[in-house]
Amino acid sequence: MAGKILLTRGAWCPKTCAIVRREMLSNYLKFFDKVFKFLAVALIGLYRNILSPLKIALWGQSARCRFYPTCSNFAQLVFRRYAFPRAFYFSMRRILRCNPFWKRKSCRVKPDKRLLLP
């Protein structure tokens, strides 16, 4: 028995513990990603239903988005398709380009390559 380690029930193994910790961390990250994505989509929906019509009523047609689909619609699509950090990056990049100095443009959400069928 010299040189061999017997693992009995309840014994501690660093490799197993690391795997369990990694799986737990992965589950926590997935949970927080879903929560943040849900909050982001809810806030964008609130903006689209309440603030955007109010903005158009106050400042007229010049307050509309320059892009098609609109920035809020694009952000909702991106948050539904990608993980939170990537979706946040894409939506912020789009919102920062929505100004009078940028050309009007039509762009779409790129499909996730993992979801495409061969």
C-alpha atoms as a PDB file:
ATOM      1  CA  MET A   1       0.000   0.000   0.000  1.00  0.00           C
ATOM      2  CA  ALA A   2       2.992   2.313   0.121  1.00  0.00           C
ATOM      3  CA  GLY A   3       2.806   5.098  -2.442  1.00  0.00           C
ATOM      4  CA  LYS A   4      -0.911   4.664  -3.115  1.00  0.00           C
ATOM      5  CA  ILE A   5      -3.573   6.923  -1.711  1.00  0.00           C
ATOM      6  CA  LEU A   6      -6.878   5.313  -0.985  1.00  0.00           C
ATOM      7  CA  LEU A   7      -9.879   7.561  -1.321  1.00  0.00           C
ATOM      8  CA  THR A   8     -12.682   6.528   0.924  1.00  0.00           C
ATOM      9  CA  ARG A   9     -16.058   8.067   1.249  1.00  0.00           C
ATOM     10  CA  GLY A  10     -15.713  11.637   2.480  1.00  0.00           C
ATOM     11  CA  ALA A  11     -12.013  11.846   1.617  1.00  0.00           C
ATOM     12  CA  TRP A  12     -10.680  15.081   0.187  1.00  0.00           C
ATOM     13  CA  CYS A  13      -9.294  15.158  -3.347  1.00  0.00           C
ATOM     14  CA  PRO A  14      -7.952  18.465  -4.743  1.00  0.00           C
ATOM     15  CA  LYS A  15      -8.689  17.547  -8.365  1.00  0.00           C
ATOM     16  CA  THR A  16     -12.320  16.676  -7.655  1.00  0.00           C
ATOM     17  CA  CYS A  17     -12.799  19.797  -5.554  1.00  0.00           C
ATOM     18  CA  ALA A  18     -11.402  21.974  -8.350  1.00  0.00           C
ATOM     19  CA  ILE A  19     -13.827  20.449 -10.840  1.00  0.00           C
ATOM     20  CA  VAL A  20     -16.757  20.969  -8.499  1.00  0.00           C
ATOM     21  CA  ARG A  21     -15.696  24.581  -7.832  1.00  0.00           C
ATOM     22  CA  ARG A  22     -15.378  25.254 -11.556  1.00  0.00           C
ATOM     23  CA  GLU A  23     -18.856  23.832 -12.224  1.00  0.00           C
ATOM     24  CA  MET A  24     -20.347  25.892  -9.397  1.00  0.00           C
ATOM     25  CA  LEU A  25     -18.667  29.052 -10.713  1.00  0.00           C
ATOM     26  CA  SER A  26     -19.953  28.292 -14.204  1.00  0.00           C
ATOM     27  CA  ASN A  27     -23.500  27.887 -12.869  1.00  0.00           C
ATOM     28  CA  TYR A  28     -23.260  31.180 -10.958  1.00  0.00           C
ATOM     29  CA  LEU A  29     -21.992  33.001 -14.050  1.00  0.00           C
ATOM     30  CA  LYS A  30     -24.810  31.586 -16.172  1.00  0.00           C
ATOM     31  CA  PHE A  31     -27.349  32.642 -13.552  1.00  0.00           C
ATOM     32  CA  PHE A  32     -26.022  36.217 -13.328  1.00  0.00           C
ATOM     33  CA  ASP A  33     -25.779  36.427 -17.119  1.00  0.00           C
ATOM     34  CA  LYS A  34     -29.470  35.497 -17.406  1.00  0.00           C
ATOM     35  CA  VAL A  35     -30.455  37.975 -14.682  1.00  0.00           C
ATOM     36  CA  PHE A  36     -28.516  40.873 -16.246  1.00  0.00           C
ATOM     37  CA  LYS A  37     -29.847  40.051 -19.702  1.00  0.00           C
ATOM     38  CA  PHE A  38     -33.418  39.974 -18.382  1.00  0.00           C
ATOM     39  CA  LEU A  39     -32.937  43.346 -16.650  1.00  0.00           C
ATOM     40  CA  ALA A  40     -31.386  44.877 -19.769  1.00  0.00           C
ATOM     41  CA  VAL A  41     -34.219  43.677 -22.035  1.00  0.00           C
ATOM     42  CA  ALA A  42     -36.806  44.912 -19.496  1.00  0.00           C
ATOM     43  CA  LEU A  43     -35.177  48.363 -19.279  1.00  0.00           C
ATOM     44  CA  ILE A  44     -34.987  48.615 -23.060  1.00  0.00           C
ATOM     45  CA  GLY A  45     -38.666  47.668 -23.292  1.00  0.00           C
ATOM     46  CA  LEU A  46     -39.485  50.348 -20.729  1.00  0.00           C
ATOM     47  CA  TYR A  47     -37.545  52.893 -22.799  1.00  0.00           C
ATOM     48  CA  ARG A  48     -39.304  51.841 -26.015  1.00  0.00           C
ATOM     49  CA  ASN A  49     -42.795  52.019 -24.513  1.00  0.00           C
ATOM     50  CA  ILE A  50     -42.525  55.115 -22.302  1.00  0.00           C
ATOM     51  CA  LEU A  51     -39.511  57.334 -22.968  1.00  0.00           C
ATOM     52  CA  SER A  52     -39.219  57.051 -26.740  1.00  0.00           C
ATOM     53  CA  PRO A  53     -42.803  58.239 -27.506  1.00  0.00           C
ATOM     54  CA  LEU A  54     -42.368  61.038 -24.990  1.00  0.00           C
ATOM     55  CA  LYS A  55     -39.100  62.079 -26.639  1.00  0.00           C
ATOM     56  CA  ILE A  56     -40.749  62.114 -30.078  1.00  0.00           C
ATOM     57  CA  ALA A  57     -43.723  64.103 -28.732  1.00  0.00           C
ATOM     58  CA  LEU A  58     -41.409  66.745 -27.255  1.00  0.00           C
ATOM     59  CA  TRP A  59     -38.783  67.095 -29.995  1.00  0.00           C
ATOM     60  CA  GLY A  60     -40.604  65.840 -33.073  1.00  0.00           C
ATOM     61  CA  GLN A  61     -39.452  63.526 -35.833  1.00  0.00           C
ATOM     62  CA  SER A  62     -35.832  64.628 -35.538  1.00  0.00           C
ATOM     63  CA  ALA A  63     -35.608  62.662 -32.269  1.00  0.00           C
ATOM     64  CA  ARG A  64     -36.018  59.332 -34.077  1.00  0.00           C
ATOM     65  CA  CYS A  65     -33.201  56.818 -34.420  1.00  0.00           C
ATOM     66  CA  ARG A  66     -31.010  57.103 -37.507  1.00  0.00           C
ATOM     67  CA  PHE A  67     -30.595  53.372 -38.010  1.00  0.00           C
ATOM     68  CA  TYR A  68     -32.791  50.516 -39.111  1.00  0.00           C
ATOM     69  CA  PRO A  69     -33.576  48.504 -37.006  1.00  0.00           C
ATOM     70  CA  THR A  70     -33.699  51.135 -34.293  1.00  0.00           C
ATOM     71  CA  CYS A  71     -30.998  51.137 -31.641  1.00  0.00           C
ATOM     72  CA  SER A  72     -33.363  49.867 -28.961  1.00  0.00           C
ATOM     73  CA  ASN A  73     -34.631  47.041 -31.175  1.00  0.00           C
ATOM     74  CA  PHE A  74     -31.050  46.150 -32.107  1.00  0.00           C
ATOM     75  CA  ALA A  75     -30.050  46.101 -28.428  1.00  0.00           C
ATOM     76  CA  GLN A  76     -32.952  43.806 -27.528  1.00  0.00           C
ATOM     77  CA  LEU A  77     -32.023  41.405 -30.316  1.00  0.00           C
ATOM     78  CA  VAL A  78     -28.370  41.407 -29.291  1.00  0.00           C
ATOM     79  CA  PHE A  79     -29.160  40.812 -25.603  1.00  0.00           C
ATOM     80  CA  ARG A  80     -31.356  37.866 -26.542  1.00  0.00           C
ATOM     81  CA  ARG A  81     -28.681  36.342 -28.763  1.00  0.00           C
ATOM     82  CA  TYR A  82     -25.320  36.897 -27.021  1.00  0.00           C
ATOM     83  CA  ALA A  83     -23.896  36.766 -23.504  1.00  0.00           C
ATOM     84  CA  PHE A  84     -24.232  39.940 -21.437  1.00  0.00           C
ATOM     85  CA  PRO A  85     -20.704  41.436 -21.840  1.00  0.00           C
ATOM     86  CA  ARG A  86     -20.675  40.973 -25.606  1.00  0.00           C
ATOM     87  CA  ALA A  87     -24.255  42.221 -25.989  1.00  0.00           C
ATOM     88  CA  PHE A  88     -23.480  45.270 -23.846  1.00  0.00           C
ATOM     89  CA  TYR A  89     -20.454  46.052 -26.043  1.00  0.00           C
ATOM     90  CA  PHE A  90     -22.454  45.747 -29.293  1.00  0.00           C
ATOM     91  CA  SER A  91     -25.364  47.837 -28.036  1.00  0.00           C
ATOM     92  CA  MET A  92     -23.137  50.608 -26.604  1.00  0.00           C
ATOM     93  CA  ARG A  93     -21.152  50.754 -29.839  1.00  0.00           C
ATOM     94  CA  ARG A  94     -24.400  51.140 -31.777  1.00  0.00           C
ATOM     95  CA  ILE A  95     -25.842  53.799 -29.437  1.00  0.00           C
ATOM     96  CA  LEU A  96     -22.645  55.861 -29.573  1.00  0.00           C
ATOM     97  CA  ARG A  97     -22.844  55.857 -33.383  1.00  0.00           C
ATOM     98  CA  CYS A  98     -26.421  57.138 -33.355  1.00  0.00           C
ATOM     99  CA  ASN A  99     -25.699  60.851 -33.819  1.00  0.00           C
ATOM    100  CA  PRO A 100     -25.994  63.417 -36.623  1.00  0.00           C
ATOM    101  CA  PHE A 101     -22.330  63.039 -37.614  1.00  0.00           C
ATOM    102  CA  TRP A 102     -22.686  59.360 -38.562  1.00  0.00           C
ATOM    103  CA  LYS A 103     -24.180  58.128 -41.837  1.00  0.00           C
ATOM    104  CA  ARG A 104     -27.632  56.598 -41.807  1.00  0.00           C
ATOM    105  CA  LYS A 105     -27.222  52.902 -42.086  1.00  0.00           C
ATOM    106  CA  SER A 106     -29.109  49.632 -42.054  1.00  0.00           C
ATOM    107  CA  CYS A 107     -27.441  46.806 -40.183  1.00  0.00           C
ATOM    108  CA  ARG A 108     -28.622  43.562 -38.724  1.00  0.00           C
ATOM    109  CA  VAL A 109     -27.668  41.305 -35.860  1.00  0.00           C
ATOM    110  CA  LYS A 110     -25.143  38.751 -37.063  1.00  0.00           C
ATOM    111  CA  PRO A 111     -26.235  35.170 -36.460  1.00  0.00           C
ATOM    112  CA  ASP A 112     -24.301  33.097 -33.972  1.00  0.00           C
ATOM    113  CA  LYS A 113     -22.137  30.622 -35.939  1.00  0.00           C
ATOM    114  CA  ARG A 114     -22.759  27.908 -33.372  1.00  0.00           C
ATOM    115  CA  LEU A 115     -26.505  28.039 -34.111  1.00  0.00           C
ATOM    116  CA  LEU A 116     -26.188  27.648 -37.882  1.00  0.00           C
ATOM    117  CA  LEU A 117     -26.917  24.261 -39.345  1.00  0.00           C
ATOM    118  CA  PRO A 118     -24.387  22.697 -41.753  1.00  0.00           C
END
